[in-house]
């Protein structure tokens, strides 16, 4: 049996990604994340990448979430110089990769790395939720009126603008 925690030591992230794309079976999850961001006019939807899900569930391929957050934070500084242009990618490539995650943990990892921090840090601190993890089946069947989608104030109901009488449990779109 391969000790994956040791097998990838010293291997660059891009090489681990390439290995995973050719050797791991994609993991198509039923989960998606619906969220509202002040920068968007309507609710955004994140569908986890099947290759990334496979890598996270396999384990020992992806860096911890704090690494990606640190790099994003650094990139937002006014004096930022791209770390890759300086050959300073040690944090990304040399930090011990995280172990295997469950499907739910993998989605949570992607929330923290792919959705703006302002959304996931404060998703339930206002007078209504601004982020929901749901099943793809809970999304409206068509993209009609897509630019009008919002997370509803009432948890547990979904109403389409063109069919307000049709509701589905748990997804919070209007």
N, C-alpha and C. Protein backbone atom coordinates (compact mmCIF):
# COMPACT_ATOMS: atom_id res chain seq x y z
N UNK A 1 0.85 -1.19 0.00
CA UNK A 1 0.00 0.00 0.00
C UNK A 1 0.89 1.24 0.00
N UNK A 2 0.50 2.23 -0.80
CA UNK A 2 1.28 3.46 -0.92
C UNK A 2 0.94 4.40 0.22
N UNK A 3 1.97 4.96 0.85
CA UNK A 3 1.76 5.98 1.87
C UNK A 3 1.73 7.32 1.15
N UNK A 4 0.51 7.80 0.81
CA UNK A 4 0.36 9.00 0.01
C UNK A 4 0.89 10.23 0.72
N UNK A 5 0.90 10.21 2.07
CA UNK A 5 1.39 11.38 2.79
C UNK A 5 2.88 11.60 2.54
N UNK A 6 3.58 10.55 2.14
CA UNK A 6 5.01 10.65 1.85
C UNK A 6 5.27 10.65 0.34
N UNK A 7 4.43 9.98 -0.41
CA UNK A 7 4.66 9.81 -1.85
C UNK A 7 4.75 11.13 -2.61
N UNK A 8 4.02 12.15 -2.19
CA UNK A 8 4.00 13.41 -2.92
C UNK A 8 4.95 14.45 -2.35
N UNK A 9 5.73 14.09 -1.37
CA UNK A 9 6.65 15.05 -0.76
C UNK A 9 7.60 15.60 -1.82
N UNK A 10 7.65 16.93 -1.92
CA UNK A 10 8.53 17.58 -2.88
C UNK A 10 7.96 17.67 -4.29
N UNK A 11 6.75 17.19 -4.51
CA UNK A 11 6.14 17.24 -5.84
C UNK A 11 5.31 18.52 -5.97
N UNK A 12 5.50 19.23 -7.06
CA UNK A 12 4.76 20.48 -7.27
C UNK A 12 3.27 20.20 -7.43
N UNK A 13 2.46 21.17 -7.02
CA UNK A 13 1.02 21.04 -7.10
C UNK A 13 0.56 20.74 -8.52
N UNK A 14 1.12 21.41 -9.51
CA UNK A 14 0.69 21.20 -10.89
C UNK A 14 0.94 19.75 -11.32
N UNK A 15 2.02 19.14 -10.85
CA UNK A 15 2.29 17.73 -11.17
C UNK A 15 1.30 16.80 -10.48
N UNK A 16 0.92 17.16 -9.25
CA UNK A 16 -0.09 16.35 -8.54
C UNK A 16 -1.44 16.45 -9.25
N UNK A 17 -1.78 17.64 -9.74
CA UNK A 17 -3.04 17.84 -10.46
C UNK A 17 -3.04 17.02 -11.75
N UNK A 18 -1.96 17.07 -12.50
CA UNK A 18 -1.87 16.30 -13.74
C UNK A 18 -1.99 14.80 -13.47
N UNK A 19 -1.34 14.32 -12.41
CA UNK A 19 -1.44 12.91 -12.06
C UNK A 19 -2.89 12.55 -11.76
N UNK A 20 -3.55 13.40 -10.98
CA UNK A 20 -4.93 13.13 -10.58
C UNK A 20 -5.87 13.10 -11.78
N UNK A 21 -5.69 14.00 -12.72
CA UNK A 21 -6.57 14.04 -13.89
C UNK A 21 -6.48 12.77 -14.73
N UNK A 22 -5.32 12.15 -14.74
CA UNK A 22 -5.17 10.94 -15.55
C UNK A 22 -5.38 9.65 -14.76
N UNK A 23 -5.29 9.70 -13.43
CA UNK A 23 -5.36 8.49 -12.64
C UNK A 23 -6.56 8.35 -11.71
N UNK A 24 -7.22 9.44 -11.41
CA UNK A 24 -8.37 9.37 -10.50
C UNK A 24 -9.67 9.50 -11.28
N UNK A 25 -10.67 8.76 -10.85
CA UNK A 25 -12.00 8.86 -11.45
C UNK A 25 -12.66 10.13 -10.93
N UNK A 26 -13.26 10.88 -11.85
CA UNK A 26 -13.99 12.09 -11.47
C UNK A 26 -15.04 11.78 -10.41
N UNK A 27 -15.27 12.74 -9.53
CA UNK A 27 -16.34 12.58 -8.55
C UNK A 27 -17.37 13.68 -8.79
N UNK A 28 -18.45 13.32 -9.47
CA UNK A 28 -19.53 14.26 -9.73
C UNK A 28 -20.44 14.29 -8.51
N UNK A 29 -20.43 15.39 -7.81
CA UNK A 29 -21.23 15.52 -6.60
C UNK A 29 -22.60 16.11 -6.93
N UNK A 30 -23.57 15.80 -6.11
CA UNK A 30 -24.90 16.37 -6.26
C UNK A 30 -25.00 17.74 -5.58
N UNK A 31 -23.98 18.08 -4.79
CA UNK A 31 -24.00 19.34 -4.06
C UNK A 31 -23.63 20.51 -4.96
N UNK A 32 -24.22 21.64 -4.66
CA UNK A 32 -23.78 22.90 -5.23
C UNK A 32 -23.99 23.96 -4.15
N UNK A 33 -23.40 25.11 -4.34
CA UNK A 33 -23.50 26.18 -3.35
C UNK A 33 -24.10 27.40 -4.04
N UNK A 34 -25.18 27.89 -3.49
CA UNK A 34 -25.82 29.10 -3.99
C UNK A 34 -25.48 30.21 -3.01
N UNK A 35 -24.98 31.33 -3.53
CA UNK A 35 -24.62 32.42 -2.63
C UNK A 35 -24.86 33.78 -3.29
N UNK A 36 -25.03 34.77 -2.44
CA UNK A 36 -25.18 36.14 -2.89
C UNK A 36 -23.96 36.93 -2.47
N UNK A 37 -23.46 37.71 -3.40
CA UNK A 37 -22.30 38.55 -3.16
C UNK A 37 -22.68 39.97 -3.60
N UNK A 38 -22.20 40.96 -2.89
CA UNK A 38 -22.52 42.34 -3.25
C UNK A 38 -22.07 42.69 -4.66
N UNK A 39 -21.04 42.00 -5.15
CA UNK A 39 -20.52 42.27 -6.49
C UNK A 39 -21.37 41.67 -7.60
N UNK A 40 -22.28 40.78 -7.26
CA UNK A 40 -23.13 40.13 -8.25
C UNK A 40 -24.54 40.69 -8.18
N UNK A 41 -25.19 40.79 -9.32
CA UNK A 41 -26.56 41.28 -9.35
C UNK A 41 -27.57 40.20 -8.98
N UNK A 42 -27.19 38.94 -9.12
CA UNK A 42 -28.10 37.85 -8.79
C UNK A 42 -27.32 36.79 -8.00
N UNK A 43 -28.02 35.79 -7.54
CA UNK A 43 -27.37 34.72 -6.79
C UNK A 43 -26.39 33.97 -7.70
N UNK A 44 -25.22 33.65 -7.17
CA UNK A 44 -24.22 32.88 -7.91
C UNK A 44 -24.31 31.42 -7.48
N UNK A 45 -23.88 30.54 -8.36
CA UNK A 45 -23.92 29.11 -8.07
C UNK A 45 -22.54 28.52 -8.32
N UNK A 46 -22.01 27.83 -7.32
CA UNK A 46 -20.74 27.14 -7.48
C UNK A 46 -21.02 25.64 -7.59
N UNK A 47 -20.62 25.07 -8.71
CA UNK A 47 -20.69 23.62 -8.90
C UNK A 47 -19.27 23.09 -8.72
N UNK A 48 -19.01 22.28 -7.71
CA UNK A 48 -17.65 21.77 -7.49
C UNK A 48 -17.11 21.01 -8.70
N UNK A 49 -15.87 21.30 -9.04
CA UNK A 49 -15.21 20.62 -10.16
C UNK A 49 -15.02 19.14 -9.81
N UNK A 50 -15.43 18.22 -10.69
CA UNK A 50 -15.33 16.78 -10.39
C UNK A 50 -13.90 16.30 -10.17
N UNK A 51 -12.94 16.90 -10.87
CA UNK A 51 -11.53 16.51 -10.68
C UNK A 51 -11.03 16.97 -9.32
N UNK A 52 -11.41 18.18 -8.95
CA UNK A 52 -11.00 18.71 -7.65
C UNK A 52 -11.63 17.90 -6.51
N UNK A 53 -12.90 17.54 -6.68
CA UNK A 53 -13.56 16.71 -5.67
C UNK A 53 -12.83 15.38 -5.53
N UNK A 54 -12.44 14.78 -6.64
CA UNK A 54 -11.72 13.50 -6.59
C UNK A 54 -10.39 13.66 -5.86
N UNK A 55 -9.69 14.75 -6.14
CA UNK A 55 -8.40 15.00 -5.48
C UNK A 55 -8.57 15.19 -3.98
N UNK A 56 -9.57 15.96 -3.59
CA UNK A 56 -9.80 16.21 -2.17
C UNK A 56 -10.22 14.95 -1.43
N UNK A 57 -11.02 14.12 -2.08
CA UNK A 57 -11.49 12.89 -1.43
C UNK A 57 -10.40 11.82 -1.42
N UNK A 58 -9.50 11.84 -2.40
CA UNK A 58 -8.36 10.92 -2.42
C UNK A 58 -7.37 11.29 -1.31
N UNK A 59 -7.12 12.59 -1.20
CA UNK A 59 -6.23 13.09 -0.16
C UNK A 59 -4.79 13.19 -0.60
N UNK A 60 -4.03 14.02 0.12
CA UNK A 60 -2.59 14.20 -0.06
C UNK A 60 -2.22 14.78 -1.41
N UNK A 61 -3.14 15.52 -2.03
CA UNK A 61 -2.84 16.14 -3.31
C UNK A 61 -3.00 17.67 -3.27
N UNK A 62 -3.93 18.16 -2.47
CA UNK A 62 -4.23 19.59 -2.42
C UNK A 62 -3.64 20.23 -1.17
N UNK A 63 -3.20 21.49 -1.30
CA UNK A 63 -2.69 22.18 -0.11
C UNK A 63 -3.83 22.53 0.84
N UNK A 64 -3.51 22.80 2.09
CA UNK A 64 -4.56 23.21 3.03
C UNK A 64 -5.22 24.51 2.55
N UNK A 65 -6.45 24.73 2.97
CA UNK A 65 -7.19 25.93 2.55
C UNK A 65 -6.47 27.20 2.96
N UNK A 66 -5.78 27.19 4.10
CA UNK A 66 -5.12 28.41 4.56
C UNK A 66 -4.05 28.86 3.58
N UNK A 67 -3.45 27.95 2.84
CA UNK A 67 -2.43 28.31 1.86
C UNK A 67 -3.07 29.15 0.74
N UNK A 68 -4.18 28.67 0.22
CA UNK A 68 -4.86 29.42 -0.85
C UNK A 68 -5.36 30.77 -0.33
N UNK A 69 -5.86 30.79 0.91
CA UNK A 69 -6.33 32.05 1.48
C UNK A 69 -5.18 33.04 1.67
N UNK A 70 -4.04 32.55 2.10
CA UNK A 70 -2.86 33.40 2.27
C UNK A 70 -2.41 33.99 0.94
N UNK A 71 -2.39 33.17 -0.10
CA UNK A 71 -1.99 33.65 -1.42
C UNK A 71 -2.99 34.67 -1.95
N UNK A 72 -4.29 34.45 -1.72
CA UNK A 72 -5.31 35.41 -2.15
C UNK A 72 -5.17 36.72 -1.38
N UNK A 73 -4.90 36.61 -0.07
CA UNK A 73 -4.72 37.81 0.75
C UNK A 73 -3.50 38.60 0.28
N UNK A 74 -2.41 37.91 -0.01
CA UNK A 74 -1.21 38.57 -0.51
C UNK A 74 -1.48 39.28 -1.84
N UNK A 75 -2.26 38.65 -2.71
CA UNK A 75 -2.55 39.21 -4.03
C UNK A 75 -3.37 40.49 -3.94
N UNK A 76 -4.06 40.71 -2.83
CA UNK A 76 -4.89 41.90 -2.68
C UNK A 76 -4.11 43.10 -2.13
N UNK A 77 -2.86 42.89 -1.73
CA UNK A 77 -2.05 44.00 -1.24
C UNK A 77 -1.64 44.89 -2.41
N UNK A 78 -1.55 46.20 -2.18
CA UNK A 78 -1.19 47.11 -3.27
C UNK A 78 0.23 46.87 -3.82
N UNK A 79 1.15 46.41 -2.98
CA UNK A 79 2.53 46.19 -3.42
C UNK A 79 2.78 44.74 -3.85
N UNK A 80 1.71 44.02 -4.19
CA UNK A 80 1.81 42.60 -4.54
C UNK A 80 2.66 42.38 -5.79
N UNK A 81 3.57 41.40 -5.67
CA UNK A 81 4.33 40.91 -6.81
C UNK A 81 4.02 39.42 -6.90
N UNK A 82 3.58 38.98 -8.05
CA UNK A 82 3.19 37.58 -8.24
C UNK A 82 4.31 36.65 -7.78
N UNK A 83 4.01 35.79 -6.83
CA UNK A 83 5.01 34.89 -6.26
C UNK A 83 5.59 33.95 -7.30
N UNK A 84 4.81 33.61 -8.32
CA UNK A 84 5.32 32.68 -9.35
C UNK A 84 6.41 33.33 -10.19
N UNK A 85 6.30 34.65 -10.42
CA UNK A 85 7.31 35.32 -11.23
C UNK A 85 8.64 35.43 -10.50
N UNK A 86 8.59 35.32 -9.17
CA UNK A 86 9.81 35.38 -8.38
C UNK A 86 10.37 33.99 -8.06
N UNK A 87 9.68 32.98 -8.50
CA UNK A 87 10.10 31.62 -8.17
C UNK A 87 9.82 31.28 -6.71
N UNK A 88 8.99 32.08 -6.07
CA UNK A 88 8.69 31.90 -4.66
C UNK A 88 7.34 31.19 -4.50
N UNK A 89 7.29 29.95 -4.91
CA UNK A 89 6.05 29.20 -4.82
C UNK A 89 6.16 28.07 -3.79
N UNK A 90 7.06 28.24 -2.84
CA UNK A 90 7.27 27.20 -1.82
C UNK A 90 6.01 26.94 -1.01
N UNK A 91 5.31 28.00 -0.64
CA UNK A 91 4.11 27.83 0.18
C UNK A 91 3.10 26.93 -0.52
N UNK A 92 2.92 27.15 -1.81
CA UNK A 92 1.95 26.38 -2.58
C UNK A 92 2.40 24.94 -2.80
N UNK A 93 3.67 24.76 -3.09
CA UNK A 93 4.16 23.45 -3.49
C UNK A 93 4.77 22.61 -2.36
N UNK A 94 5.25 23.25 -1.32
CA UNK A 94 5.97 22.51 -0.29
C UNK A 94 5.20 22.33 1.02
N UNK A 95 4.05 22.95 1.15
CA UNK A 95 3.23 22.74 2.33
C UNK A 95 2.64 21.34 2.26
N UNK A 96 2.64 20.64 3.39
CA UNK A 96 2.10 19.27 3.43
C UNK A 96 0.65 19.27 2.96
N UNK A 97 0.32 18.50 1.92
CA UNK A 97 -1.08 18.42 1.45
C UNK A 97 -1.99 17.84 2.52
N UNK A 98 -3.26 18.18 2.42
CA UNK A 98 -4.24 17.67 3.39
C UNK A 98 -4.61 16.23 3.06
N UNK A 99 -5.05 15.52 4.07
CA UNK A 99 -5.46 14.12 3.91
C UNK A 99 -6.83 14.01 3.25
N UNK A 100 -7.34 12.79 3.14
CA UNK A 100 -8.64 12.57 2.49
C UNK A 100 -9.78 13.28 3.23
N UNK A 101 -10.71 13.81 2.46
CA UNK A 101 -11.88 14.48 3.01
C UNK A 101 -13.14 13.72 2.58
N UNK A 102 -14.18 13.86 3.37
CA UNK A 102 -15.48 13.34 2.94
C UNK A 102 -16.02 14.27 1.87
N UNK A 103 -17.09 13.87 1.22
CA UNK A 103 -17.70 14.71 0.19
C UNK A 103 -18.12 16.06 0.77
N UNK A 104 -18.72 16.03 1.95
CA UNK A 104 -19.17 17.26 2.59
C UNK A 104 -17.99 18.16 2.96
N UNK A 105 -16.94 17.57 3.50
CA UNK A 105 -15.75 18.35 3.85
C UNK A 105 -15.09 18.95 2.61
N UNK A 106 -15.10 18.20 1.51
CA UNK A 106 -14.52 18.70 0.26
C UNK A 106 -15.29 19.92 -0.24
N UNK A 107 -16.61 19.89 -0.14
CA UNK A 107 -17.42 21.04 -0.55
C UNK A 107 -17.11 22.23 0.36
N UNK A 108 -16.98 21.99 1.66
CA UNK A 108 -16.64 23.07 2.59
C UNK A 108 -15.27 23.66 2.26
N UNK A 109 -14.31 22.81 1.90
CA UNK A 109 -12.98 23.27 1.49
C UNK A 109 -13.12 24.21 0.29
N UNK A 110 -13.91 23.80 -0.70
CA UNK A 110 -14.08 24.62 -1.90
C UNK A 110 -14.82 25.92 -1.61
N UNK A 111 -15.70 25.90 -0.63
CA UNK A 111 -16.36 27.15 -0.23
C UNK A 111 -15.32 28.14 0.26
N UNK A 112 -14.41 27.68 1.11
CA UNK A 112 -13.42 28.60 1.68
C UNK A 112 -12.37 29.03 0.66
N UNK A 113 -12.10 28.21 -0.35
CA UNK A 113 -11.06 28.57 -1.31
C UNK A 113 -11.59 29.24 -2.57
N UNK A 114 -12.86 29.00 -2.94
CA UNK A 114 -13.36 29.49 -4.23
C UNK A 114 -14.44 30.56 -4.15
N UNK A 115 -15.04 30.70 -3.00
CA UNK A 115 -16.09 31.72 -2.83
C UNK A 115 -15.48 32.87 -2.04
N UNK A 116 -15.81 34.12 -2.38
CA UNK A 116 -15.23 35.26 -1.65
C UNK A 116 -15.40 35.13 -0.14
N UNK A 117 -14.33 35.47 0.55
CA UNK A 117 -14.32 35.38 2.01
C UNK A 117 -15.47 36.16 2.65
N UNK A 118 -15.80 37.32 2.06
CA UNK A 118 -16.87 38.15 2.62
C UNK A 118 -18.21 37.42 2.61
N UNK A 119 -18.37 36.46 1.73
CA UNK A 119 -19.62 35.69 1.67
C UNK A 119 -19.63 34.61 2.74
N UNK A 120 -18.60 33.75 2.77
CA UNK A 120 -18.67 32.62 3.69
C UNK A 120 -18.38 32.97 5.14
N UNK A 121 -17.70 34.07 5.40
CA UNK A 121 -17.49 34.47 6.79
C UNK A 121 -18.77 35.02 7.42
N UNK A 122 -19.62 35.61 6.61
CA UNK A 122 -20.80 36.30 7.13
C UNK A 122 -22.10 35.76 6.58
N UNK A 123 -22.13 34.52 6.15
CA UNK A 123 -23.29 33.98 5.45
C UNK A 123 -24.58 33.98 6.27
N UNK A 124 -24.48 33.96 7.59
CA UNK A 124 -25.69 33.92 8.42
C UNK A 124 -25.68 34.98 9.52
N UNK A 125 -24.93 36.07 9.33
CA UNK A 125 -24.86 37.07 10.39
C UNK A 125 -25.85 38.21 10.21
N UNK A 126 -26.41 38.38 9.04
CA UNK A 126 -27.37 39.45 8.80
C UNK A 126 -28.78 39.00 9.16
N UNK A 127 -29.74 39.67 8.55
CA UNK A 127 -31.13 39.32 8.83
C UNK A 127 -31.62 38.16 7.97
N UNK A 128 -30.75 37.62 7.09
CA UNK A 128 -31.10 36.44 6.30
C UNK A 128 -29.82 35.77 5.80
N UNK A 129 -29.94 34.52 5.42
CA UNK A 129 -28.78 33.77 4.93
C UNK A 129 -28.41 34.25 3.53
N UNK A 130 -27.11 34.27 3.27
CA UNK A 130 -26.64 34.66 1.94
C UNK A 130 -25.89 33.52 1.24
N UNK A 131 -25.94 32.33 1.84
CA UNK A 131 -25.30 31.17 1.22
C UNK A 131 -26.05 29.91 1.63
N UNK A 132 -26.21 28.98 0.67
CA UNK A 132 -26.92 27.74 0.92
C UNK A 132 -26.21 26.61 0.19
N UNK A 133 -25.99 25.49 0.87
CA UNK A 133 -25.50 24.27 0.22
C UNK A 133 -26.74 23.45 -0.09
N UNK A 134 -26.88 23.05 -1.34
CA UNK A 134 -28.09 22.33 -1.74
C UNK A 134 -27.74 21.27 -2.79
N UNK A 135 -28.75 20.54 -3.19
CA UNK A 135 -28.62 19.54 -4.24
C UNK A 135 -28.87 20.22 -5.58
N UNK A 136 -28.22 19.73 -6.63
CA UNK A 136 -28.44 20.27 -7.97
C UNK A 136 -29.90 20.13 -8.37
N UNK A 137 -30.56 19.09 -7.86
CA UNK A 137 -31.98 18.87 -8.18
C UNK A 137 -32.87 19.97 -7.63
N UNK A 138 -32.38 20.68 -6.64
CA UNK A 138 -33.17 21.73 -6.03
C UNK A 138 -33.11 23.05 -6.80
N UNK A 139 -32.21 23.15 -7.76
CA UNK A 139 -32.15 24.34 -8.59
C UNK A 139 -33.31 24.32 -9.58
N UNK A 140 -33.79 25.47 -9.99
CA UNK A 140 -34.82 25.48 -11.02
C UNK A 140 -34.36 24.72 -12.26
N UNK A 141 -35.30 24.05 -12.92
CA UNK A 141 -34.97 23.19 -14.06
C UNK A 141 -34.47 23.96 -15.26
N UNK A 142 -34.89 25.21 -15.42
CA UNK A 142 -34.44 26.00 -16.56
C UNK A 142 -33.70 27.24 -16.06
N UNK A 143 -32.96 27.84 -16.94
CA UNK A 143 -32.23 29.08 -16.61
C UNK A 143 -33.06 30.32 -16.90
N UNK A 144 -34.35 30.11 -17.20
CA UNK A 144 -35.22 31.24 -17.47
C UNK A 144 -35.26 32.13 -16.22
N UNK A 145 -35.20 33.41 -16.39
CA UNK A 145 -35.18 34.39 -15.32
C UNK A 145 -33.95 34.27 -14.43
N UNK A 146 -32.88 33.69 -14.95
CA UNK A 146 -31.68 33.45 -14.15
C UNK A 146 -31.15 34.72 -13.47
N UNK A 147 -31.19 35.84 -14.14
CA UNK A 147 -30.65 37.07 -13.56
C UNK A 147 -31.51 37.64 -12.43
N UNK A 148 -32.64 37.01 -12.17
CA UNK A 148 -33.51 37.47 -11.08
C UNK A 148 -33.44 36.55 -9.85
N UNK A 149 -32.64 35.51 -9.90
CA UNK A 149 -32.56 34.58 -8.77
C UNK A 149 -31.98 35.26 -7.55
N UNK A 150 -32.60 35.03 -6.41
CA UNK A 150 -32.13 35.50 -5.12
C UNK A 150 -32.40 34.40 -4.10
N UNK A 151 -31.66 34.42 -3.02
CA UNK A 151 -31.94 33.48 -1.94
C UNK A 151 -33.14 34.02 -1.17
N UNK A 152 -34.14 33.19 -1.00
CA UNK A 152 -35.40 33.62 -0.38
C UNK A 152 -35.20 33.86 1.11
N UNK A 153 -36.05 34.70 1.66
CA UNK A 153 -36.01 34.99 3.09
C UNK A 153 -36.47 33.80 3.91
N UNK A 154 -37.40 33.02 3.39
CA UNK A 154 -37.93 31.88 4.11
C UNK A 154 -37.13 30.63 3.79
N UNK A 155 -36.51 30.04 4.78
CA UNK A 155 -35.76 28.81 4.58
C UNK A 155 -36.72 27.68 4.26
N UNK A 156 -36.34 26.88 3.26
CA UNK A 156 -37.14 25.72 2.94
C UNK A 156 -38.09 25.90 1.78
N UNK A 157 -38.09 27.06 1.14
CA UNK A 157 -38.98 27.25 0.02
C UNK A 157 -38.22 27.81 -1.17
N UNK A 158 -38.62 27.38 -2.34
CA UNK A 158 -38.09 27.93 -3.57
C UNK A 158 -39.27 28.35 -4.41
N UNK A 159 -39.20 29.52 -4.92
CA UNK A 159 -40.25 29.98 -5.82
C UNK A 159 -39.60 30.59 -7.04
N UNK A 160 -40.01 30.17 -8.19
CA UNK A 160 -39.53 30.74 -9.43
C UNK A 160 -40.40 31.95 -9.74
N UNK A 161 -39.82 32.97 -10.33
CA UNK A 161 -40.60 34.16 -10.64
C UNK A 161 -41.74 33.87 -11.60
N UNK A 162 -41.52 32.94 -12.52
CA UNK A 162 -42.57 32.64 -13.49
C UNK A 162 -43.55 31.57 -12.98
N UNK A 163 -43.20 30.85 -11.92
CA UNK A 163 -44.09 29.84 -11.34
C UNK A 163 -44.01 29.92 -9.82
N UNK A 164 -44.51 31.01 -9.21
CA UNK A 164 -44.37 31.17 -7.76
C UNK A 164 -45.10 30.11 -6.94
N UNK A 165 -46.05 29.42 -7.51
CA UNK A 165 -46.76 28.39 -6.77
C UNK A 165 -45.95 27.11 -6.63
N UNK A 166 -44.92 26.92 -7.45
CA UNK A 166 -44.10 25.71 -7.38
C UNK A 166 -42.98 25.93 -6.36
N UNK A 167 -42.95 25.11 -5.34
CA UNK A 167 -41.90 25.22 -4.35
C UNK A 167 -41.21 23.87 -4.18
N UNK A 168 -39.98 23.91 -3.74
CA UNK A 168 -39.19 22.72 -3.47
C UNK A 168 -38.56 22.91 -2.10
N UNK A 169 -38.36 21.85 -1.34
CA UNK A 169 -37.78 22.02 -0.01
C UNK A 169 -36.30 22.39 -0.06
N UNK A 170 -35.88 23.19 0.86
CA UNK A 170 -34.51 23.51 1.22
C UNK A 170 -33.77 24.51 0.35
N UNK A 171 -34.03 24.63 -0.93
CA UNK A 171 -33.30 25.61 -1.71
C UNK A 171 -33.95 26.97 -1.54
N UNK A 172 -33.12 27.98 -1.43
CA UNK A 172 -33.62 29.30 -1.06
C UNK A 172 -33.50 30.30 -2.20
N UNK A 173 -34.08 29.99 -3.34
CA UNK A 173 -34.04 30.91 -4.47
C UNK A 173 -35.40 31.53 -4.69
N UNK A 174 -35.40 32.75 -5.13
CA UNK A 174 -36.64 33.40 -5.59
C UNK A 174 -36.50 33.70 -7.04
